[in-house]
Amino acid sequence: YLEIAENELRRLTMLTERVLNASLAENSQAILNKEWLDFSQLAEEVVQSFKLIADKKGASISISKSGHDFKVFGDKDHLSNMLFNLLDNGLKYSPNSPSLNITLTESQNKISCSIEDNGIGIPEAYHRKIFEKFFRVPTGDLHAVKGYGLGLSYVSQVIRSHNGSITVQSKAGTGSIFTVTLPKHGKK
C-alpha cells in the first residue's frame, strides 16, 4: 500500500506540473527526463496503482503481451501519466461492468500498447478533435463525467515528444481502443 501511495503521489505531482507547464509554455517543448525503461514493467506498475480505483468501480483489468523486449528511451513519469490517463478515461466512460484490456505488442522497430474499453464509445466525427486541448465530445445537457478536455491533449503531447503516435478506433456505443506506438529502443 505504501508503494501504491508513493506512485499516486508522484502521479498527482506530475499532473500539477502538467497543468502549470501547459498554461505557462503553450508552444515550448516540455523538459523530459528520459531514461531506458521497460514499457511492459511500467504498464504493470500503472495497473497495480490503478487497481484500487478499478476495484472500487467493479472494473476488471487485464494485460496481455506479444513479445519480450519492450525497452524504450522515455520519461517514466510522463509515460506513466499517459497510461493512467487512458485507463482512467476507459473507466470513466464505461458505466456498466467496466472492462479494460491492455495489449502490448513488440515488433522489430516499435512497441504498441492498445487500451480497449467497453464504454460508450466516440462518434467517428470526433476522432481527430478529441486530442485538441479543451475539447470534449458533446453530450447535450448530460455531464455525467467531469473534466476540462486536457487529458487526451496531454496524452498526445507526451506521445509526440517520444516520437510516437496514437490512434483511436471507436464508434458510439461500442467502446474504444486507443493504440499508442513508440519507437523501440527510442532515440537519445
N, C-alpha and C. Protein backbone atom coordinates (compact mmCIF):
# COMPACT_ATOMS: atom_id res chain seq x y z
N TYR A 1 0.81 -1.20 0.00
CA TYR A 1 0.00 0.00 0.00
C TYR A 1 0.85 1.26 0.00
N LEU A 2 1.98 1.20 0.70
CA LEU A 2 2.88 2.35 0.73
C LEU A 2 3.44 2.64 -0.66
N GLU A 3 3.78 1.59 -1.40
CA GLU A 3 4.29 1.77 -2.76
C GLU A 3 3.21 2.36 -3.67
N ILE A 4 1.97 1.90 -3.52
CA ILE A 4 0.87 2.44 -4.31
C ILE A 4 0.67 3.92 -3.98
N ALA A 5 0.70 4.25 -2.69
CA ALA A 5 0.54 5.65 -2.28
C ALA A 5 1.66 6.52 -2.83
N GLU A 6 2.87 6.00 -2.82
CA GLU A 6 4.02 6.74 -3.36
C GLU A 6 3.85 6.98 -4.85
N ASN A 7 3.41 5.95 -5.58
CA ASN A 7 3.17 6.09 -7.02
C ASN A 7 2.08 7.12 -7.30
N GLU A 8 1.03 7.10 -6.49
CA GLU A 8 -0.06 8.06 -6.68
C GLU A 8 0.39 9.48 -6.37
N LEU A 9 1.20 9.65 -5.35
CA LEU A 9 1.71 10.98 -5.02
C LEU A 9 2.57 11.51 -6.16
N ARG A 10 3.40 10.66 -6.73
CA ARG A 10 4.23 11.06 -7.86
C ARG A 10 3.36 11.43 -9.06
N ARG A 11 2.30 10.65 -9.30
CA ARG A 11 1.40 10.94 -10.42
C ARG A 11 0.68 12.27 -10.21
N LEU A 12 0.19 12.52 -9.00
CA LEU A 12 -0.51 13.77 -8.73
C LEU A 12 0.43 14.97 -8.85
N THR A 13 1.67 14.81 -8.44
CA THR A 13 2.66 15.87 -8.61
C THR A 13 2.87 16.17 -10.09
N MET A 14 2.95 15.09 -10.89
CA MET A 14 3.13 15.28 -12.33
C MET A 14 1.91 15.95 -12.96
N LEU A 15 0.71 15.62 -12.49
CA LEU A 15 -0.49 16.25 -13.02
C LEU A 15 -0.47 17.75 -12.76
N THR A 16 -0.06 18.13 -11.57
CA THR A 16 0.04 19.54 -11.23
C THR A 16 1.06 20.23 -12.11
N GLU A 17 2.21 19.61 -12.28
CA GLU A 17 3.24 20.18 -13.14
C GLU A 17 2.74 20.29 -14.58
N ARG A 18 1.99 19.30 -15.02
CA ARG A 18 1.47 19.30 -16.38
C ARG A 18 0.57 20.50 -16.63
N VAL A 19 -0.33 20.77 -15.69
CA VAL A 19 -1.24 21.91 -15.84
C VAL A 19 -0.45 23.22 -15.85
N LEU A 20 0.52 23.33 -14.96
CA LEU A 20 1.34 24.54 -14.92
C LEU A 20 2.15 24.71 -16.19
N ASN A 21 2.76 23.64 -16.67
CA ASN A 21 3.54 23.71 -17.91
C ASN A 21 2.67 24.08 -19.09
N ALA A 22 1.47 23.52 -19.15
CA ALA A 22 0.57 23.80 -20.27
C ALA A 22 0.17 25.26 -20.29
N SER A 23 -0.07 25.84 -19.12
CA SER A 23 -0.51 27.23 -19.09
C SER A 23 0.64 28.21 -19.23
N LEU A 24 1.84 27.84 -18.81
CA LEU A 24 2.98 28.76 -18.88
C LEU A 24 3.71 28.71 -20.22
N ALA A 25 3.74 27.56 -20.85
CA ALA A 25 4.57 27.40 -22.05
C ALA A 25 3.78 26.72 -23.15
N GLU A 26 2.85 27.42 -23.74
CA GLU A 26 1.97 26.87 -24.76
C GLU A 26 2.75 26.23 -25.91
N ASN A 27 3.77 26.89 -26.42
CA ASN A 27 4.47 26.40 -27.60
C ASN A 27 5.86 25.86 -27.32
N SER A 28 6.31 25.92 -26.09
CA SER A 28 7.67 25.46 -25.82
C SER A 28 7.69 23.96 -25.56
N GLN A 29 8.81 23.36 -25.78
CA GLN A 29 8.98 21.92 -25.61
C GLN A 29 9.13 21.59 -24.12
N ALA A 30 8.39 20.63 -23.64
CA ALA A 30 8.49 20.22 -22.24
C ALA A 30 9.84 19.56 -22.00
N ILE A 31 10.36 19.74 -20.81
CA ILE A 31 11.62 19.10 -20.45
C ILE A 31 11.33 17.68 -20.00
N LEU A 32 11.98 16.74 -20.66
CA LEU A 32 11.77 15.33 -20.35
C LEU A 32 13.02 14.76 -19.69
N ASN A 33 12.81 13.91 -18.72
CA ASN A 33 13.90 13.20 -18.06
C ASN A 33 13.89 11.77 -18.59
N LYS A 34 14.48 11.59 -19.77
CA LYS A 34 14.44 10.29 -20.42
C LYS A 34 15.49 9.34 -19.85
N GLU A 35 15.09 8.08 -19.79
CA GLU A 35 15.96 7.01 -19.33
C GLU A 35 15.51 5.72 -20.03
N TRP A 36 16.38 4.71 -20.00
CA TRP A 36 16.00 3.42 -20.55
C TRP A 36 15.03 2.77 -19.58
N LEU A 37 13.89 2.30 -20.10
CA LEU A 37 12.93 1.63 -19.23
C LEU A 37 12.20 0.55 -20.00
N ASP A 38 11.67 -0.39 -19.26
CA ASP A 38 10.90 -1.50 -19.80
C ASP A 38 9.43 -1.08 -19.77
N PHE A 39 8.85 -0.80 -20.94
CA PHE A 39 7.48 -0.32 -21.02
C PHE A 39 6.49 -1.34 -20.46
N SER A 40 6.79 -2.61 -20.60
CA SER A 40 5.94 -3.66 -20.06
C SER A 40 5.88 -3.58 -18.53
N GLN A 41 7.03 -3.40 -17.92
CA GLN A 41 7.09 -3.27 -16.46
C GLN A 41 6.37 -1.99 -16.02
N LEU A 42 6.55 -0.91 -16.78
CA LEU A 42 5.88 0.35 -16.47
C LEU A 42 4.37 0.16 -16.51
N ALA A 43 3.86 -0.52 -17.53
CA ALA A 43 2.42 -0.77 -17.64
C ALA A 43 1.92 -1.57 -16.44
N GLU A 44 2.69 -2.57 -16.02
CA GLU A 44 2.28 -3.38 -14.86
C GLU A 44 2.22 -2.52 -13.59
N GLU A 45 3.19 -1.61 -13.42
CA GLU A 45 3.18 -0.72 -12.26
C GLU A 45 1.97 0.21 -12.27
N VAL A 46 1.65 0.75 -13.45
CA VAL A 46 0.49 1.64 -13.56
C VAL A 46 -0.79 0.88 -13.24
N VAL A 47 -0.92 -0.33 -13.77
CA VAL A 47 -2.11 -1.14 -13.50
C VAL A 47 -2.21 -1.44 -12.00
N GLN A 48 -1.09 -1.75 -11.37
CA GLN A 48 -1.10 -2.03 -9.93
C GLN A 48 -1.58 -0.82 -9.15
N SER A 49 -1.11 0.38 -9.53
CA SER A 49 -1.55 1.61 -8.87
C SER A 49 -3.03 1.89 -9.14
N PHE A 50 -3.48 1.53 -10.33
CA PHE A 50 -4.84 1.83 -10.76
C PHE A 50 -5.86 0.84 -10.19
N LYS A 51 -5.39 -0.31 -9.72
CA LYS A 51 -6.30 -1.38 -9.27
C LYS A 51 -7.26 -0.94 -8.17
N LEU A 52 -6.82 -0.12 -7.24
CA LEU A 52 -7.70 0.32 -6.16
C LEU A 52 -8.88 1.10 -6.72
N ILE A 53 -8.62 1.97 -7.68
CA ILE A 53 -9.67 2.76 -8.31
C ILE A 53 -10.60 1.83 -9.09
N ALA A 54 -10.01 0.91 -9.84
CA ALA A 54 -10.80 -0.02 -10.66
C ALA A 54 -11.66 -0.92 -9.79
N ASP A 55 -11.09 -1.44 -8.71
CA ASP A 55 -11.84 -2.33 -7.82
C ASP A 55 -13.04 -1.61 -7.21
N LYS A 56 -12.84 -0.36 -6.88
CA LYS A 56 -13.92 0.43 -6.28
C LYS A 56 -15.11 0.55 -7.24
N LYS A 57 -14.85 0.55 -8.55
CA LYS A 57 -15.92 0.66 -9.54
C LYS A 57 -16.32 -0.70 -10.11
N GLY A 58 -15.76 -1.78 -9.56
CA GLY A 58 -16.10 -3.11 -10.03
C GLY A 58 -15.57 -3.43 -11.41
N ALA A 59 -14.46 -2.81 -11.77
CA ALA A 59 -13.88 -2.99 -13.11
C ALA A 59 -12.87 -4.12 -13.12
N SER A 60 -12.73 -4.73 -14.28
CA SER A 60 -11.68 -5.74 -14.47
C SER A 60 -10.62 -5.15 -15.40
N ILE A 61 -9.37 -5.51 -15.14
CA ILE A 61 -8.25 -5.05 -15.96
C ILE A 61 -7.40 -6.26 -16.29
N SER A 62 -7.03 -6.37 -17.57
CA SER A 62 -6.14 -7.47 -17.96
C SER A 62 -5.01 -6.91 -18.83
N ILE A 63 -3.87 -7.60 -18.78
CA ILE A 63 -2.73 -7.25 -19.62
C ILE A 63 -2.31 -8.51 -20.37
N SER A 64 -2.13 -8.36 -21.68
CA SER A 64 -1.57 -9.46 -22.46
C SER A 64 -0.38 -8.91 -23.25
N LYS A 65 0.58 -9.80 -23.51
CA LYS A 65 1.82 -9.38 -24.17
C LYS A 65 2.14 -10.32 -25.32
N SER A 66 2.65 -9.71 -26.38
CA SER A 66 3.17 -10.47 -27.50
C SER A 66 4.58 -9.95 -27.75
N GLY A 67 5.56 -10.70 -27.30
CA GLY A 67 6.95 -10.29 -27.42
C GLY A 67 7.64 -10.28 -26.07
N HIS A 68 8.93 -9.92 -26.07
CA HIS A 68 9.72 -9.96 -24.84
C HIS A 68 10.52 -8.70 -24.59
N ASP A 69 10.82 -7.93 -25.62
CA ASP A 69 11.69 -6.76 -25.48
C ASP A 69 10.87 -5.49 -25.67
N PHE A 70 10.54 -4.83 -24.55
CA PHE A 70 9.71 -3.63 -24.58
C PHE A 70 10.48 -2.41 -24.10
N LYS A 71 11.78 -2.39 -24.37
CA LYS A 71 12.61 -1.28 -23.92
C LYS A 71 12.37 -0.04 -24.78
N VAL A 72 12.21 1.10 -24.09
CA VAL A 72 12.09 2.40 -24.76
C VAL A 72 12.95 3.40 -24.00
N PHE A 73 13.30 4.46 -24.67
CA PHE A 73 14.03 5.55 -24.04
C PHE A 73 13.02 6.67 -23.83
N GLY A 74 12.56 6.80 -22.58
CA GLY A 74 11.49 7.75 -22.34
C GLY A 74 11.45 8.27 -20.93
N ASP A 75 10.54 9.20 -20.72
CA ASP A 75 10.31 9.82 -19.42
C ASP A 75 9.30 8.97 -18.66
N LYS A 76 9.76 8.32 -17.61
CA LYS A 76 8.93 7.38 -16.87
C LYS A 76 7.66 8.03 -16.32
N ASP A 77 7.79 9.22 -15.75
CA ASP A 77 6.64 9.87 -15.14
C ASP A 77 5.59 10.25 -16.19
N HIS A 78 6.03 10.85 -17.29
CA HIS A 78 5.08 11.24 -18.32
C HIS A 78 4.43 10.03 -18.99
N LEU A 79 5.21 8.99 -19.26
CA LEU A 79 4.63 7.78 -19.85
C LEU A 79 3.66 7.11 -18.88
N SER A 80 3.98 7.11 -17.60
CA SER A 80 3.07 6.56 -16.59
C SER A 80 1.76 7.34 -16.56
N ASN A 81 1.87 8.67 -16.56
CA ASN A 81 0.67 9.51 -16.54
C ASN A 81 -0.17 9.31 -17.80
N MET A 82 0.51 9.13 -18.93
CA MET A 82 -0.19 8.89 -20.19
C MET A 82 -1.03 7.61 -20.09
N LEU A 83 -0.43 6.52 -19.60
CA LEU A 83 -1.15 5.26 -19.44
C LEU A 83 -2.28 5.39 -18.43
N PHE A 84 -1.99 6.04 -17.33
CA PHE A 84 -3.00 6.22 -16.28
C PHE A 84 -4.19 6.98 -16.84
N ASN A 85 -3.92 8.03 -17.62
CA ASN A 85 -4.99 8.84 -18.20
C ASN A 85 -5.87 8.01 -19.12
N LEU A 86 -5.27 7.18 -19.97
CA LEU A 86 -6.05 6.35 -20.89
C LEU A 86 -6.89 5.32 -20.12
N LEU A 87 -6.32 4.73 -19.06
CA LEU A 87 -7.09 3.80 -18.24
C LEU A 87 -8.23 4.51 -17.51
N ASP A 88 -7.94 5.68 -16.98
CA ASP A 88 -8.94 6.46 -16.26
C ASP A 88 -10.10 6.84 -17.18
N ASN A 89 -9.79 7.27 -18.40
CA ASN A 89 -10.85 7.60 -19.35
C ASN A 89 -11.69 6.36 -19.67
N GLY A 90 -11.02 5.23 -19.88
CA GLY A 90 -11.75 3.99 -20.15
C GLY A 90 -12.70 3.64 -19.03
N LEU A 91 -12.27 3.87 -17.80
CA LEU A 91 -13.10 3.58 -16.64
C LEU A 91 -14.26 4.58 -16.53
N LYS A 92 -13.95 5.86 -16.68
CA LYS A 92 -14.98 6.90 -16.54
C LYS A 92 -16.08 6.78 -17.58
N TYR A 93 -15.73 6.35 -18.79
CA TYR A 93 -16.71 6.29 -19.87
C TYR A 93 -17.24 4.89 -20.11
N SER A 94 -17.08 4.01 -19.13
CA SER A 94 -17.64 2.66 -19.18
C SER A 94 -18.56 2.49 -17.98
N PRO A 95 -19.80 2.91 -18.10
CA PRO A 95 -20.68 2.95 -16.94
C PRO A 95 -21.11 1.60 -16.39
N ASN A 96 -21.21 0.56 -17.22
CA ASN A 96 -21.70 -0.73 -16.75
C ASN A 96 -20.63 -1.81 -16.85
N SER A 97 -20.31 -2.43 -15.73
CA SER A 97 -19.32 -3.51 -15.69
C SER A 97 -18.08 -3.18 -16.51
N PRO A 98 -17.32 -2.15 -16.11
CA PRO A 98 -16.15 -1.74 -16.90
C PRO A 98 -15.14 -2.86 -17.05
N SER A 99 -14.62 -2.97 -18.27
CA SER A 99 -13.58 -3.94 -18.58
C SER A 99 -12.51 -3.23 -19.40
N LEU A 100 -11.28 -3.27 -18.90
CA LEU A 100 -10.16 -2.63 -19.57
C LEU A 100 -9.14 -3.70 -19.94
N ASN A 101 -8.78 -3.73 -21.21
CA ASN A 101 -7.82 -4.72 -21.69
C ASN A 101 -6.63 -4.00 -22.31
N ILE A 102 -5.45 -4.30 -21.79
CA ILE A 102 -4.21 -3.71 -22.30
C ILE A 102 -3.48 -4.80 -23.08
N THR A 103 -3.08 -4.47 -24.30
CA THR A 103 -2.33 -5.41 -25.13
C THR A 103 -1.02 -4.76 -25.55
N LEU A 104 0.10 -5.37 -25.14
CA LEU A 104 1.43 -4.89 -25.53
C LEU A 104 1.95 -5.79 -26.65
N THR A 105 2.43 -5.17 -27.71
CA THR A 105 2.94 -5.91 -28.86
C THR A 105 4.30 -5.38 -29.26
N GLU A 106 5.25 -6.29 -29.40
CA GLU A 106 6.61 -5.93 -29.82
C GLU A 106 6.78 -6.29 -31.29
N SER A 107 7.39 -5.38 -32.04
CA SER A 107 7.81 -5.71 -33.40
C SER A 107 9.28 -5.31 -33.52
N GLN A 108 9.83 -5.41 -34.69
CA GLN A 108 11.27 -5.16 -34.85
C GLN A 108 11.67 -3.74 -34.46
N ASN A 109 10.87 -2.75 -34.87
CA ASN A 109 11.26 -1.35 -34.66
C ASN A 109 10.42 -0.60 -33.65
N LYS A 110 9.34 -1.20 -33.18
CA LYS A 110 8.43 -0.45 -32.33
C LYS A 110 7.70 -1.35 -31.34
N ILE A 111 7.10 -0.69 -30.37
CA ILE A 111 6.18 -1.38 -29.46
C ILE A 111 4.84 -0.67 -29.57
N SER A 112 3.78 -1.44 -29.39
CA SER A 112 2.44 -0.88 -29.40
C SER A 112 1.75 -1.25 -28.10
N CYS A 113 0.96 -0.33 -27.61
CA CYS A 113 0.17 -0.56 -26.41
C CYS A 113 -1.26 -0.16 -26.73
N SER A 114 -2.16 -1.14 -26.77
CA SER A 114 -3.57 -0.86 -27.03
C SER A 114 -4.34 -0.97 -25.73
N ILE A 115 -5.19 0.02 -25.48
CA ILE A 115 -6.05 0.00 -24.30
C ILE A 115 -7.49 0.01 -24.80
N GLU A 116 -8.18 -1.10 -24.53
CA GLU A 116 -9.54 -1.28 -25.01
C GLU A 116 -10.51 -1.21 -23.83
N ASP A 117 -11.61 -0.49 -24.03
CA ASP A 117 -12.65 -0.43 -23.01
C ASP A 117 -13.99 -0.85 -23.62
N ASN A 118 -14.95 -1.07 -22.78
CA ASN A 118 -16.30 -1.43 -23.23
C ASN A 118 -17.28 -0.30 -22.93
N GLY A 119 -16.80 0.93 -23.11
CA GLY A 119 -17.57 2.10 -22.75
C GLY A 119 -18.54 2.59 -23.81
N ILE A 120 -18.87 3.87 -23.68
CA ILE A 120 -19.90 4.47 -24.53
C ILE A 120 -19.42 4.77 -25.94
N GLY A 121 -18.11 4.72 -26.16
CA GLY A 121 -17.57 4.94 -27.50
C GLY A 121 -17.52 6.42 -27.87
N ILE A 122 -16.91 6.68 -29.01
CA ILE A 122 -16.73 8.04 -29.51
C ILE A 122 -17.18 8.06 -30.97
N PRO A 123 -18.13 8.91 -31.31
CA PRO A 123 -18.55 9.00 -32.72
C PRO A 123 -17.34 9.34 -33.61
N GLU A 124 -17.30 8.72 -34.78
CA GLU A 124 -16.16 8.90 -35.68
C GLU A 124 -15.89 10.36 -36.03
N ALA A 125 -16.91 11.18 -36.06
CA ALA A 125 -16.75 12.60 -36.41
C ALA A 125 -15.83 13.33 -35.45
N TYR A 126 -15.63 12.79 -34.25
CA TYR A 126 -14.82 13.47 -33.24
C TYR A 126 -13.44 12.86 -33.03
N HIS A 127 -13.08 11.83 -33.79
CA HIS A 127 -11.81 11.14 -33.56
C HIS A 127 -10.60 12.07 -33.61
N ARG A 128 -10.56 13.00 -34.54
CA ARG A 128 -9.40 13.90 -34.62
C ARG A 128 -9.46 14.99 -33.56
N LYS A 129 -10.64 15.45 -33.24
CA LYS A 129 -10.80 16.57 -32.32
C LYS A 129 -10.51 16.20 -30.86
N ILE A 130 -10.65 14.91 -30.50
CA ILE A 130 -10.51 14.54 -29.09
C ILE A 130 -9.11 14.81 -28.55
N PHE A 131 -8.11 14.96 -29.42
CA PHE A 131 -6.75 15.22 -28.97
C PHE A 131 -6.45 16.72 -28.88
N GLU A 132 -7.44 17.56 -29.17
CA GLU A 132 -7.25 19.01 -29.08
C GLU A 132 -7.50 19.45 -27.64
N LYS A 133 -6.75 20.45 -27.23
CA LYS A 133 -6.88 20.97 -25.88
C LYS A 133 -8.28 21.54 -25.65
N PHE A 134 -8.88 21.20 -24.54
CA PHE A 134 -10.18 21.65 -24.06
C PHE A 134 -11.37 21.06 -24.82
N PHE A 135 -11.15 20.14 -25.77
CA PHE A 135 -12.27 19.56 -26.50
C PHE A 135 -12.87 18.42 -25.70
N ARG A 136 -14.19 18.40 -25.63
CA ARG A 136 -14.94 17.29 -25.04
C ARG A 136 -16.04 16.91 -26.01
N VAL A 137 -16.26 15.63 -26.18
CA VAL A 137 -17.31 15.16 -27.07
C VAL A 137 -18.65 15.67 -26.54
N PRO A 138 -19.41 16.34 -27.39
CA PRO A 138 -20.70 16.89 -26.94
C PRO A 138 -21.65 15.79 -26.49
N THR A 139 -22.30 16.04 -25.35
CA THR A 139 -23.27 15.07 -24.82
C THR A 139 -24.60 15.75 -24.51
N GLY A 140 -24.86 16.88 -25.16
CA GLY A 140 -26.10 17.61 -24.86
C GLY A 140 -26.02 18.21 -23.48
N ASP A 141 -27.09 18.09 -22.71
CA ASP A 141 -27.12 18.65 -21.36
C ASP A 141 -26.63 17.65 -20.31
N LEU A 142 -26.22 16.48 -20.74
CA LEU A 142 -25.76 15.44 -19.83
C LEU A 142 -24.27 15.61 -19.55
N HIS A 143 -23.90 15.80 -18.31
CA HIS A 143 -22.49 15.97 -17.93
C HIS A 143 -22.15 15.00 -16.81
N ALA A 144 -22.29 13.72 -17.09
CA ALA A 144 -22.04 12.70 -16.06
C ALA A 144 -20.57 12.60 -15.71
N VAL A 145 -19.68 12.93 -16.65
CA VAL A 145 -18.25 12.82 -16.42
C VAL A 145 -17.66 14.23 -16.42
N LYS A 146 -17.03 14.57 -15.31
CA LYS A 146 -16.43 15.90 -15.19
C LYS A 146 -15.03 15.91 -15.80
N GLY A 147 -14.63 17.07 -16.30
CA GLY A 147 -13.30 17.21 -16.85
C GLY A 147 -13.18 18.50 -17.63
N TYR A 148 -11.95 18.78 -18.06
CA TYR A 148 -11.68 20.03 -18.77
C TYR A 148 -11.24 19.82 -20.21
N GLY A 149 -11.15 18.58 -20.65
CA GLY A 149 -10.72 18.32 -22.01
C GLY A 149 -9.22 18.47 -22.20
N LEU A 150 -8.45 18.23 -21.15
CA LEU A 150 -6.99 18.34 -21.23
C LEU A 150 -6.29 16.98 -21.30
N GLY A 151 -6.94 15.93 -20.84
CA GLY A 151 -6.30 14.63 -20.71
C GLY A 151 -5.75 14.06 -22.01
N LEU A 152 -6.58 13.96 -23.04
CA LEU A 152 -6.11 13.37 -24.30
C LEU A 152 -5.16 14.30 -25.04
N SER A 153 -5.29 15.60 -24.82
CA SER A 153 -4.33 16.55 -25.39
C SER A 153 -2.95 16.29 -24.79
N TYR A 154 -2.91 16.09 -23.48
CA TYR A 154 -1.66 15.77 -22.79
C TYR A 154 -1.10 14.43 -23.28
N VAL A 155 -1.96 13.42 -23.40
CA VAL A 155 -1.54 12.11 -23.87
C VAL A 155 -0.87 12.24 -25.24
N SER A 156 -1.52 12.97 -26.14
CA SER A 156 -0.99 13.16 -27.49
C SER A 156 0.35 13.89 -27.45
N GLN A 157 0.47 14.90 -26.61
CA GLN A 157 1.72 15.65 -26.49
C GLN A 157 2.86 14.76 -25.98
N VAL A 158 2.58 13.94 -24.98
CA VAL A 158 3.60 13.03 -24.44
C VAL A 158 4.06 12.06 -25.52
N ILE A 159 3.13 11.50 -26.25
CA ILE A 159 3.48 10.52 -27.28
C ILE A 159 4.31 11.17 -28.38
N ARG A 160 3.91 12.36 -28.82
CA ARG A 160 4.69 13.07 -29.85
C ARG A 160 6.10 13.38 -29.36
N SER A 161 6.23 13.75 -28.09
CA SER A 161 7.55 14.07 -27.55
C SER A 161 8.45 12.84 -27.44
N HIS A 162 7.86 11.65 -27.58
CA HIS A 162 8.61 10.40 -27.59
C HIS A 162 8.68 9.81 -29.00
N ASN A 163 8.43 10.64 -30.01
CA ASN A 163 8.48 10.23 -31.43
C ASN A 163 7.52 9.09 -31.74
N GLY A 164 6.38 9.08 -31.05
CA GLY A 164 5.40 8.03 -31.25
C GLY A 164 4.13 8.56 -31.89
N SER A 165 3.11 7.71 -31.91
CA SER A 165 1.82 8.09 -32.47
C SER A 165 0.71 7.44 -31.66
N ILE A 166 -0.49 7.98 -31.83
CA ILE A 166 -1.67 7.41 -31.16
C ILE A 166 -2.82 7.39 -32.16
N THR A 167 -3.59 6.30 -32.12
CA THR A 167 -4.78 6.19 -32.95
C THR A 167 -5.94 5.76 -32.07
N VAL A 168 -7.14 5.99 -32.56
CA VAL A 168 -8.34 5.57 -31.85
C VAL A 168 -9.25 4.83 -32.82
N GLN A 169 -9.83 3.75 -32.33
CA GLN A 169 -10.86 3.02 -33.05
C GLN A 169 -12.08 3.03 -32.14
N SER A 170 -13.18 3.59 -32.64
CA SER A 170 -14.36 3.67 -31.79
C SER A 170 -15.56 4.10 -32.61
N LYS A 171 -16.71 3.69 -32.15
CA LYS A 171 -18.00 4.16 -32.66
C LYS A 171 -18.89 4.34 -31.45
N ALA A 172 -19.85 5.22 -31.57
CA ALA A 172 -20.77 5.45 -30.46
C ALA A 172 -21.41 4.13 -30.04
N GLY A 173 -21.34 3.84 -28.74
CA GLY A 173 -21.97 2.64 -28.20
C GLY A 173 -21.16 1.37 -28.27
N THR A 174 -19.92 1.42 -28.79
CA THR A 174 -19.15 0.18 -28.97
C THR A 174 -17.85 0.13 -28.18
N GLY A 175 -17.58 1.09 -27.33
CA GLY A 175 -16.30 1.11 -26.64
C GLY A 175 -15.23 1.73 -27.52
N SER A 176 -14.01 1.78 -27.00
CA SER A 176 -12.90 2.42 -27.72
C SER A 176 -11.63 1.61 -27.56
N ILE A 177 -10.76 1.74 -28.57
CA ILE A 177 -9.42 1.17 -28.50
C ILE A 177 -8.45 2.29 -28.85
N PHE A 178 -7.64 2.67 -27.88
CA PHE A 178 -6.57 3.65 -28.12
C PHE A 178 -5.27 2.86 -28.27
N THR A 179 -4.55 3.09 -29.36
CA THR A 179 -3.30 2.39 -29.60
C THR A 179 -2.15 3.38 -29.66
N VAL A 180 -1.22 3.21 -28.73
CA VAL A 180 -0.02 4.04 -28.67
C VAL A 180 1.12 3.24 -29.30
N THR A 181 1.86 3.87 -30.21
CA THR A 181 3.02 3.23 -30.83
C THR A 181 4.24 4.07 -30.53
N LEU A 182 5.27 3.42 -29.98
CA LEU A 182 6.52 4.10 -29.64
C LEU A 182 7.69 3.40 -30.34
N PRO A 183 8.71 4.19 -30.73
CA PRO A 183 9.87 3.54 -31.34
C PRO A 183 10.57 2.63 -30.32
N LYS A 184 10.89 1.44 -30.74
CA LYS A 184 11.58 0.50 -29.86
C LYS A 184 13.01 0.97 -29.67
N HIS A 185 13.45 0.98 -28.46
CA HIS A 185 14.77 1.43 -28.04
C HIS A 185 14.94 2.94 -28.18
N GLY A 186 13.93 3.64 -28.72
CA GLY A 186 13.91 5.09 -28.72
C GLY A 186 15.12 5.75 -29.33
N LYS A 187 15.21 7.04 -29.05
CA LYS A 187 16.35 7.85 -29.52
C LYS A 187 16.86 8.65 -28.33
N LYS A 188 18.17 8.80 -28.29
CA LYS A 188 18.74 9.63 -27.21
C LYS A 188 18.66 11.04 -27.55
